[in-house]
Amino acid sequence: MEAPVIAAIITSIVSGGLTITKMYMDFRDKKRDRYSQEKSLENTQKAEDKRTKMQIDANIVWSARVEWIQNVRNITAELITVVNNYILSRDEDTQKELLEIIRKKSELLILYFGPDEKSSIEIDILNKTTNDSKNEKIVELIRKIRDEAAVYFLKENWKNEYHNNVSICEKCKESSAVYSRCEIIADESISPEEMEKRCKNHMEFNLEMASKYLRENSELRNDITELTEAMRIYLKLEWKRAKERTDM
């Protein structure tokens, strides 16, 4: 075979080999590019799915927080209303019914306040800048209101009895006949001065006890006022946080 023919064959074979090699490399590059594109699209989709899930989760948390705020506001209003109605009630059966509602509403409201991450005896539940560590203090106040309501009318009766004793003493002092028959000073062996001293001590004791129960029952009204203000501040801060979607 002549040299030119052989050279042509070799050139053709080499050219064909180069062409095949180039085709393979092009195929490999295209396959790699396609894989890279598919991987990029997959990663993009995963990132988008993650963002979507995070947004859905955030919306769920936000909705739950808004619902929590609304529920707490409603139950607080119901508790405050029923306590005020209880204080003003005069019928014993009504008082028992309202007291049971107070117990149920207070226990329900307490369930909405979980334990604080940090606790401190220095916490002010009327702090207008933060709700940090307020939960336990609010729970304490709710329980205090519940317990004060349970003995409110018992203390009212005691207060009235002591006031009545004072009134009797005052009338006794105005009538020498009644004064001479008073059981407190009915002792012929004591002097008039001692009788007067006993009478005075008796009146002072009854006045002191009447004032004591008056103060204690006034605490219930004061605590209701404090709870009203504390919850107004607390829920306002929680609503602000919910709108800003912070810590969610």
C-alpha atoms as a PDB file:
ATOM      1  CA  MET A   1       0.000   0.000   0.000  1.00  0.00           C
ATOM      2  CA  GLU A   2       1.374   3.322  -0.954  1.00  0.00           C
ATOM      3  CA  ALA A   3       2.561   5.738   1.685  1.00  0.00           C
ATOM      4  CA  PRO A   4       0.050   8.476   0.881  1.00  0.00           C
ATOM      5  CA  VAL A   5      -2.804   6.062   1.299  1.00  0.00           C
ATOM      6  CA  ILE A   6      -1.469   4.812   4.586  1.00  0.00           C
ATOM      7  CA  ALA A   7      -0.998   8.374   5.785  1.00  0.00           C
ATOM      8  CA  ALA A   8      -4.534   9.217   4.788  1.00  0.00           C
ATOM      9  CA  ILE A   9      -5.863   6.200   6.663  1.00  0.00           C
ATOM     10  CA  ILE A  10      -3.869   7.105   9.747  1.00  0.00           C
ATOM     11  CA  THR A  11      -5.018  10.699   9.525  1.00  0.00           C
ATOM     12  CA  SER A  12      -8.607   9.524   9.182  1.00  0.00           C
ATOM     13  CA  ILE A  13      -8.286   7.185  12.141  1.00  0.00           C
ATOM     14  CA  VAL A  14      -6.700   9.884  14.283  1.00  0.00           C
ATOM     15  CA  SER A  15      -9.311  12.403  13.203  1.00  0.00           C
ATOM     16  CA  GLY A  16     -12.057   9.938  13.953  1.00  0.00           C
ATOM     17  CA  GLY A  17     -10.555   9.201  17.318  1.00  0.00           C
ATOM     18  CA  LEU A  18     -10.338  12.858  18.108  1.00  0.00           C
ATOM     19  CA  THR A  19     -13.912  13.337  16.995  1.00  0.00           C
ATOM     20  CA  ILE A  20     -15.095  10.468  19.176  1.00  0.00           C
ATOM     21  CA  THR A  21     -13.057  11.798  22.082  1.00  0.00           C
ATOM     22  CA  LYS A  22     -14.516  15.262  21.607  1.00  0.00           C
ATOM     23  CA  MET A  23     -18.024  13.814  21.372  1.00  0.00           C
ATOM     24  CA  TYR A  24     -17.456  11.876  24.578  1.00  0.00           C
ATOM     25  CA  MET A  25     -16.058  14.927  26.349  1.00  0.00           C
ATOM     26  CA  ASP A  26     -18.956  17.056  25.120  1.00  0.00           C
ATOM     27  CA  PHE A  27     -21.393  14.382  26.305  1.00  0.00           C
ATOM     28  CA  ARG A  28     -19.646  14.174  29.665  1.00  0.00           C
ATOM     29  CA  ASP A  29     -19.609  17.959  30.052  1.00  0.00           C
ATOM     30  CA  LYS A  30     -23.269  18.210  29.119  1.00  0.00           C
ATOM     31  CA  LYS A  31     -24.123  15.412  31.543  1.00  0.00           C
ATOM     32  CA  ARG A  32     -22.125  17.128  34.278  1.00  0.00           C
ATOM     33  CA  ASP A  33     -23.744  20.479  33.504  1.00  0.00           C
ATOM     34  CA  ARG A  34     -27.181  18.868  33.510  1.00  0.00           C
ATOM     35  CA  TYR A  35     -26.419  17.199  36.852  1.00  0.00           C
ATOM     36  CA  SER A  36     -25.185  20.507  38.253  1.00  0.00           C
ATOM     37  CA  GLN A  37     -28.311  22.243  37.028  1.00  0.00           C
ATOM     38  CA  GLU A  38     -30.536  19.520  38.447  1.00  0.00           C
ATOM     39  CA  LYS A  39     -28.657  19.646  41.753  1.00  0.00           C
ATOM     40  CA  SER A  40     -28.911  23.425  41.816  1.00  0.00           C
ATOM     41  CA  LEU A  41     -32.632  23.247  41.105  1.00  0.00           C
ATOM     42  CA  GLU A  42     -33.016  20.590  43.785  1.00  0.00           C
ATOM     43  CA  ASN A  43     -31.146  22.708  46.339  1.00  0.00           C
ATOM     44  CA  THR A  44     -33.150  25.763  45.337  1.00  0.00           C
ATOM     45  CA  GLN A  45     -36.378  23.815  45.761  1.00  0.00           C
ATOM     46  CA  LYS A  46     -35.246  22.471  49.130  1.00  0.00           C
ATOM     47  CA  ALA A  47     -34.385  25.984  50.278  1.00  0.00           C
ATOM     48  CA  GLU A  48     -37.734  27.241  49.040  1.00  0.00           C
ATOM     49  CA  ASP A  49     -39.540  24.359  50.752  1.00  0.00           C
ATOM     50  CA  LYS A  50     -37.659  25.136  53.965  1.00  0.00           C
ATOM     51  CA  ARG A  51     -38.563  28.826  53.764  1.00  0.00           C
ATOM     52  CA  THR A  52     -42.170  27.901  53.069  1.00  0.00           C
ATOM     53  CA  LYS A  53     -42.246  25.516  56.029  1.00  0.00           C
ATOM     54  CA  MET A  54     -40.643  28.130  58.279  1.00  0.00           C
ATOM     55  CA  GLN A  55     -43.223  30.673  57.138  1.00  0.00           C
ATOM     56  CA  ILE A  56     -46.061  28.224  57.729  1.00  0.00           C
ATOM     57  CA  ASP A  57     -44.660  27.359  61.169  1.00  0.00           C
ATOM     58  CA  ALA A  58     -44.268  31.055  61.974  1.00  0.00           C
ATOM     59  CA  ASN A  59     -47.859  31.710  60.903  1.00  0.00           C
ATOM     60  CA  ILE A  60     -49.087  28.819  63.040  1.00  0.00           C
ATOM     61  CA  VAL A  61     -47.157  30.115  66.058  1.00  0.00           C
ATOM     62  CA  TRP A  62     -48.370  33.661  65.417  1.00  0.00           C
ATOM     63  CA  SER A  63     -51.990  32.532  65.121  1.00  0.00           C
ATOM     64  CA  ALA A  64     -51.650  30.463  68.290  1.00  0.00           C
ATOM     65  CA  ARG A  65     -50.184  33.453  70.136  1.00  0.00           C
ATOM     66  CA  VAL A  66     -52.986  35.744  68.994  1.00  0.00           C
ATOM     67  CA  GLU A  67     -55.540  33.139  70.093  1.00  0.00           C
ATOM     68  CA  TRP A  68     -53.745  32.842  73.461  1.00  0.00           C
ATOM     69  CA  ILE A  69     -53.940  36.611  73.955  1.00  0.00           C
ATOM     70  CA  GLN A  70     -57.645  36.680  73.112  1.00  0.00           C
ATOM     71  CA  ASN A  71     -58.421  33.759  75.425  1.00  0.00           C
ATOM     72  CA  VAL A  72     -56.493  35.255  78.342  1.00  0.00           C
ATOM     73  CA  ARG A  73     -58.168  38.636  77.820  1.00  0.00           C
ATOM     74  CA  ASN A  74     -61.633  37.042  77.808  1.00  0.00           C
ATOM     75  CA  ILE A  75     -61.072  34.842  80.861  1.00  0.00           C
ATOM     76  CA  THR A  76     -59.500  37.722  82.795  1.00  0.00           C
ATOM     77  CA  ALA A  77     -62.495  39.942  82.032  1.00  0.00           C
ATOM     78  CA  GLU A  78     -64.872  37.165  83.083  1.00  0.00           C
ATOM     79  CA  LEU A  79     -62.995  36.575  86.345  1.00  0.00           C
ATOM     80  CA  ILE A  80     -62.911  40.272  87.245  1.00  0.00           C
ATOM     81  CA  THR A  81     -66.607  40.661  86.444  1.00  0.00           C
ATOM     82  CA  VAL A  82     -67.683  37.659  88.504  1.00  0.00           C
ATOM     83  CA  VAL A  83     -65.572  38.766  91.504  1.00  0.00           C
ATOM     84  CA  ASN A  84     -67.141  42.228  91.414  1.00  0.00           C
ATOM     85  CA  ASN A  85     -70.614  40.693  91.146  1.00  0.00           C
ATOM     86  CA  TYR A  86     -69.755  38.385  94.037  1.00  0.00           C
ATOM     87  CA  ILE A  87     -68.719  41.291  96.271  1.00  0.00           C
ATOM     88  CA  LEU A  88     -71.972  43.107  95.519  1.00  0.00           C
ATOM     89  CA  SER A  89     -74.209  40.045  95.960  1.00  0.00           C
ATOM     90  CA  ARG A  90     -76.429  39.743  99.022  1.00  0.00           C
ATOM     91  CA  ASP A  91     -78.113  36.393  98.457  1.00  0.00           C
ATOM     92  CA  GLU A  92     -76.282  33.442 100.007  1.00  0.00           C
ATOM     93  CA  ASP A  93     -77.154  31.003  97.214  1.00  0.00           C
ATOM     94  CA  THR A  94     -75.953  33.489  94.617  1.00  0.00           C
ATOM     95  CA  GLN A  95     -72.744  33.956  96.557  1.00  0.00           C
ATOM     96  CA  LYS A  96     -72.098  30.204  96.528  1.00  0.00           C
ATOM     97  CA  GLU A  97     -72.712  29.992  92.783  1.00  0.00           C
ATOM     98  CA  LEU A  98     -70.463  32.954  92.035  1.00  0.00           C
ATOM     99  CA  LEU A  99     -67.729  31.641  94.326  1.00  0.00           C
ATOM    100  CA  GLU A 100     -67.693  28.363  92.388  1.00  0.00           C
ATOM    101  CA  ILE A 101     -67.382  30.304  89.125  1.00  0.00           C
ATOM    102  CA  ILE A 102     -64.515  32.318  90.621  1.00  0.00           C
ATOM    103  CA  ARG A 103     -62.740  29.096  91.516  1.00  0.00           C
ATOM    104  CA  LYS A 104     -63.163  27.641  88.017  1.00  0.00           C
ATOM    105  CA  LYS A 105     -62.216  30.845  86.189  1.00  0.00           C
ATOM    106  CA  SER A 106     -59.139  31.413  88.334  1.00  0.00           C
ATOM    107  CA  GLU A 107     -57.907  27.840  87.828  1.00  0.00           C
ATOM    108  CA  LEU A 108     -58.495  28.117  84.084  1.00  0.00           C
ATOM    109  CA  LEU A 109     -56.633  31.420  83.891  1.00  0.00           C
ATOM    110  CA  ILE A 110     -53.692  29.984  85.838  1.00  0.00           C
ATOM    111  CA  LEU A 111     -53.309  27.236  83.214  1.00  0.00           C
ATOM    112  CA  TYR A 112     -52.424  29.863  80.608  1.00  0.00           C
ATOM    113  CA  PHE A 113     -49.315  30.943  82.518  1.00  0.00           C
ATOM    114  CA  GLY A 114     -46.447  28.490  82.367  1.00  0.00           C
ATOM    115  CA  PRO A 115     -43.374  28.611  84.616  1.00  0.00           C
ATOM    116  CA  ASP A 116     -40.909  31.445  84.103  1.00  0.00           C
ATOM    117  CA  GLU A 117     -37.485  30.724  82.634  1.00  0.00           C
ATOM    118  CA  LYS A 118     -36.059  32.940  85.349  1.00  0.00           C
ATOM    119  CA  SER A 119     -37.720  33.813  88.630  1.00  0.00           C
ATOM    120  CA  SER A 120     -37.100  36.736  90.936  1.00  0.00           C
ATOM    121  CA  ILE A 121     -38.802  38.185  93.985  1.00  0.00           C
ATOM    122  CA  GLU A 122     -38.012  41.648  92.632  1.00  0.00           C
ATOM    123  CA  ILE A 123     -40.318  41.310  89.612  1.00  0.00           C
ATOM    124  CA  ASP A 124     -42.875  44.093  89.165  1.00  0.00           C
ATOM    125  CA  ILE A 125     -45.962  42.831  87.339  1.00  0.00           C
ATOM    126  CA  LEU A 126     -46.808  46.448  86.468  1.00  0.00           C
ATOM    127  CA  ASN A 127     -43.539  46.832  84.531  1.00  0.00           C
ATOM    128  CA  LYS A 128     -44.513  48.419  81.200  1.00  0.00           C
ATOM    129  CA  THR A 129     -41.390  47.419  79.261  1.00  0.00           C
ATOM    130  CA  THR A 130     -41.157  43.633  79.642  1.00  0.00           C
ATOM    131  CA  ASN A 131     -43.106  40.552  80.703  1.00  0.00           C
ATOM    132  CA  ASP A 132     -40.005  38.623  81.736  1.00  0.00           C
ATOM    133  CA  SER A 133     -40.555  36.488  84.856  1.00  0.00           C
ATOM    134  CA  LYS A 134     -44.058  37.879  85.472  1.00  0.00           C
ATOM    135  CA  ASN A 135     -45.942  34.587  85.147  1.00  0.00           C
ATOM    136  CA  GLU A 136     -45.376  33.243  88.653  1.00  0.00           C
ATOM    137  CA  LYS A 137     -46.278  36.603  90.211  1.00  0.00           C
ATOM    138  CA  ILE A 138     -49.482  36.783  88.189  1.00  0.00           C
ATOM    139  CA  VAL A 139     -50.392  33.233  89.219  1.00  0.00           C
ATOM    140  CA  GLU A 140     -49.773  34.173  92.865  1.00  0.00           C
ATOM    141  CA  LEU A 141     -52.082  37.177  92.516  1.00  0.00           C
ATOM    142  CA  ILE A 142     -54.845  35.099  90.892  1.00  0.00           C
ATOM    143  CA  ARG A 143     -54.660  32.519  93.695  1.00  0.00           C
ATOM    144  CA  LYS A 144     -54.676  35.275  96.301  1.00  0.00           C
ATOM    145  CA  ILE A 145     -57.847  36.738  94.793  1.00  0.00           C
ATOM    146  CA  ARG A 146     -59.469  33.292  94.730  1.00  0.00           C
ATOM    147  CA  ASP A 147     -58.582  32.636  98.385  1.00  0.00           C
ATOM    148  CA  GLU A 148     -59.658  36.121  99.516  1.00  0.00           C
ATOM    149  CA  ALA A 149     -63.012  35.683  97.794  1.00  0.00           C
ATOM    150  CA  ALA A 150     -63.566  32.359  99.586  1.00  0.00           C
ATOM    151  CA  VAL A 151     -63.527  34.051 103.021  1.00  0.00           C
ATOM    152  CA  TYR A 152     -64.837  37.480 101.998  1.00  0.00           C
ATOM    153  CA  PHE A 153     -68.350  37.170 103.425  1.00  0.00           C
ATOM    154  CA  LEU A 154     -67.154  35.296 106.483  1.00  0.00           C
ATOM    155  CA  LYS A 155     -64.951  38.284 107.277  1.00  0.00           C
ATOM    156  CA  GLU A 156     -67.800  40.636 106.424  1.00  0.00           C
ATOM    157  CA  ASN A 157     -69.918  38.906 109.058  1.00  0.00           C
ATOM    158  CA  TRP A 158     -67.123  39.113 111.626  1.00  0.00           C
ATOM    159  CA  LYS A 159     -66.576  42.766 110.846  1.00  0.00           C
ATOM    160  CA  ASN A 160     -70.275  43.493 111.261  1.00  0.00           C
ATOM    161  CA  GLU A 161     -70.383  41.618 114.566  1.00  0.00           C
ATOM    162  CA  TYR A 162     -67.506  43.641 115.964  1.00  0.00           C
ATOM    163  CA  HIS A 163     -69.081  46.858 114.707  1.00  0.00           C
ATOM    164  CA  ASN A 164     -72.324  45.819 116.358  1.00  0.00           C
ATOM    165  CA  ASN A 165     -70.492  45.233 119.638  1.00  0.00           C
ATOM    166  CA  VAL A 166     -69.073  48.743 119.439  1.00  0.00           C
ATOM    167  CA  SER A 167     -72.546  50.150 118.806  1.00  0.00           C
ATOM    168  CA  ILE A 168     -73.879  48.282 121.835  1.00  0.00           C
ATOM    169  CA  CYS A 169     -71.068  49.674 123.965  1.00  0.00           C
ATOM    170  CA  GLU A 170     -71.811  53.204 122.796  1.00  0.00           C
ATOM    171  CA  LYS A 171     -75.491  52.819 123.682  1.00  0.00           C
ATOM    172  CA  CYS A 172     -74.504  51.242 126.982  1.00  0.00           C
ATOM    173  CA  LYS A 173     -72.421  54.287 127.885  1.00  0.00           C
ATOM    174  CA  GLU A 174     -75.390  56.522 127.186  1.00  0.00           C
ATOM    175  CA  SER A 175     -77.646  54.640 129.640  1.00  0.00           C
ATOM    176  CA  SER A 176     -76.597  54.127 133.239  1.00  0.00           C
ATOM    177  CA  ALA A 177     -79.238  51.407 133.654  1.00  0.00           C
ATOM    178  CA  VAL A 178     -77.899  49.418 130.707  1.00  0.00           C
ATOM    179  CA  TYR A 179     -74.317  50.154 131.764  1.00  0.00           C
ATOM    180  CA  SER A 180     -74.886  48.684 135.201  1.00  0.00           C
ATOM    181  CA  ARG A 181     -76.138  45.414 133.680  1.00  0.00           C
ATOM    182  CA  CYS A 182     -73.306  45.057 131.142  1.00  0.00           C
ATOM    183  CA  GLU A 183     -71.817  41.550 131.215  1.00  0.00           C
ATOM    184  CA  ILE A 184     -68.361  42.896 130.422  1.00  0.00           C
ATOM    185  CA  ILE A 185     -68.137  44.842 133.632  1.00  0.00           C
ATOM    186  CA  ALA A 186     -70.654  42.883 135.731  1.00  0.00           C
ATOM    187  CA  ASP A 187     -68.467  42.316 138.746  1.00  0.00           C
ATOM    188  CA  GLU A 188     -69.362  43.926 142.063  1.00  0.00           C
ATOM    189  CA  SER A 189     -65.880  43.332 143.419  1.00  0.00           C
ATOM    190  CA  ILE A 190     -64.163  45.729 140.999  1.00  0.00           C
ATOM    191  CA  SER A 191     -63.945  49.468 141.301  1.00  0.00           C
ATOM    192  CA  PRO A 192     -65.672  51.939 138.973  1.00  0.00           C
ATOM    193  CA  GLU A 193     -62.255  52.755 137.528  1.00  0.00           C
ATOM    194  CA  GLU A 194     -61.670  49.092 136.690  1.00  0.00           C
ATOM    195  CA  MET A 195     -65.148  48.876 135.162  1.00  0.00           C
ATOM    196  CA  GLU A 196     -64.349  51.870 132.975  1.00  0.00           C
ATOM    197  CA  LYS A 197     -61.049  50.301 131.971  1.00  0.00           C
ATOM    198  CA  ARG A 198     -62.733  47.025 131.004  1.00  0.00           C
ATOM    199  CA  CYS A 199     -65.335  48.879 129.014  1.00  0.00           C
ATOM    200  CA  LYS A 200     -62.692  50.884 127.187  1.00  0.00           C
ATOM    201  CA  ASN A 201     -60.589  47.801 126.421  1.00  0.00           C
ATOM    202  CA  HIS A 202     -63.635  45.951 125.128  1.00  0.00           C
ATOM    203  CA  MET A 203     -64.552  48.784 122.772  1.00  0.00           C
ATOM    204  CA  GLU A 204     -60.985  49.180 121.538  1.00  0.00           C
ATOM    205  CA  PHE A 205     -60.671  45.456 120.875  1.00  0.00           C
ATOM    206  CA  ASN A 206     -63.886  45.368 118.857  1.00  0.00           C
ATOM    207  CA  LEU A 207     -62.891  48.475 116.917  1.00  0.00           C
ATOM    208  CA  GLU A 208     -59.500  46.952 116.169  1.00  0.00           C
ATOM    209  CA  MET A 209     -60.992  43.665 114.965  1.00  0.00           C
ATOM    210  CA  ALA A 210     -63.628  45.415 112.853  1.00  0.00           C
ATOM    211  CA  SER A 211     -60.889  47.519 111.240  1.00  0.00           C
ATOM    212  CA  LYS A 212     -58.753  44.421 110.699  1.00  0.00           C
ATOM    213  CA  TYR A 213     -61.407  42.600 108.681  1.00  0.00           C
ATOM    214  CA  LEU A 214     -62.317  45.780 106.842  1.00  0.00           C
ATOM    215  CA  ARG A 215     -58.676  46.128 105.732  1.00  0.00           C
ATOM    216  CA  GLU A 216     -58.404  42.479 104.749  1.00  0.00           C
ATOM    217  CA  ASN A 217     -61.547  42.605 102.627  1.00  0.00           C
ATOM    218  CA  SER A 218     -60.355  45.839 101.055  1.00  0.00           C
ATOM    219  CA  GLU A 219     -57.327  43.885  99.829  1.00  0.00           C
ATOM    220  CA  LEU A 220     -59.595  41.855  97.549  1.00  0.00           C
ATOM    221  CA  ARG A 221     -60.765  45.018  95.794  1.00  0.00           C
ATOM    222  CA  ASN A 222     -57.195  46.308  95.606  1.00  0.00           C
ATOM    223  CA  ASP A 223     -55.970  43.002  94.184  1.00  0.00           C
ATOM    224  CA  ILE A 224     -58.676  43.038  91.526  1.00  0.00           C
ATOM    225  CA  THR A 225     -57.561  46.536  90.541  1.00  0.00           C
ATOM    226  CA  GLU A 226     -53.936  45.370  90.407  1.00  0.00           C
ATOM    227  CA  LEU A 227     -54.818  42.305  88.315  1.00  0.00           C
ATOM    228  CA  THR A 228     -56.795  44.476  85.898  1.00  0.00           C
ATOM    229  CA  GLU A 229     -53.846  46.821  85.376  1.00  0.00           C
ATOM    230  CA  ALA A 230     -51.240  44.031  85.311  1.00  0.00           C
ATOM    231  CA  MET A 231     -53.123  42.088  82.644  1.00  0.00           C
ATOM    232  CA  ARG A 232     -53.726  45.226  80.590  1.00  0.00           C
ATOM    233  CA  ILE A 233     -49.966  45.830  80.503  1.00  0.00           C
ATOM    234  CA  TYR A 234     -49.081  42.155  80.010  1.00  0.00           C
ATOM    235  CA  LEU A 235     -51.427  41.616  77.070  1.00  0.00           C
ATOM    236  CA  LYS A 236     -50.441  44.907  75.457  1.00  0.00           C
ATOM    237  CA  LEU A 237     -46.782  43.812  75.485  1.00  0.00           C
ATOM    238  CA  GLU A 238     -47.693  40.342  74.206  1.00  0.00           C
ATOM    239  CA  TRP A 239     -49.748  41.833  71.380  1.00  0.00           C
ATOM    240  CA  LYS A 240     -46.844  44.095  70.425  1.00  0.00           C
ATOM    241  CA  ARG A 241     -44.526  41.080  70.360  1.00  0.00           C
ATOM    242  CA  ALA A 242     -47.021  39.104  68.287  1.00  0.00           C
ATOM    243  CA  LYS A 243     -47.300  41.895  65.712  1.00  0.00           C
ATOM    244  CA  GLU A 244     -43.526  42.116  65.466  1.00  0.00           C
ATOM    245  CA  ARG A 245     -43.366  38.299  65.414  1.00  0.00           C
ATOM    246  CA  THR A 246     -40.400  38.264  67.752  1.00  0.00           C
ATOM    247  CA  ASP A 247     -39.344  35.254  69.855  1.00  0.00           C
ATOM    248  CA  MET A 248     -41.564  32.985  67.753  1.00  0.00           C
END
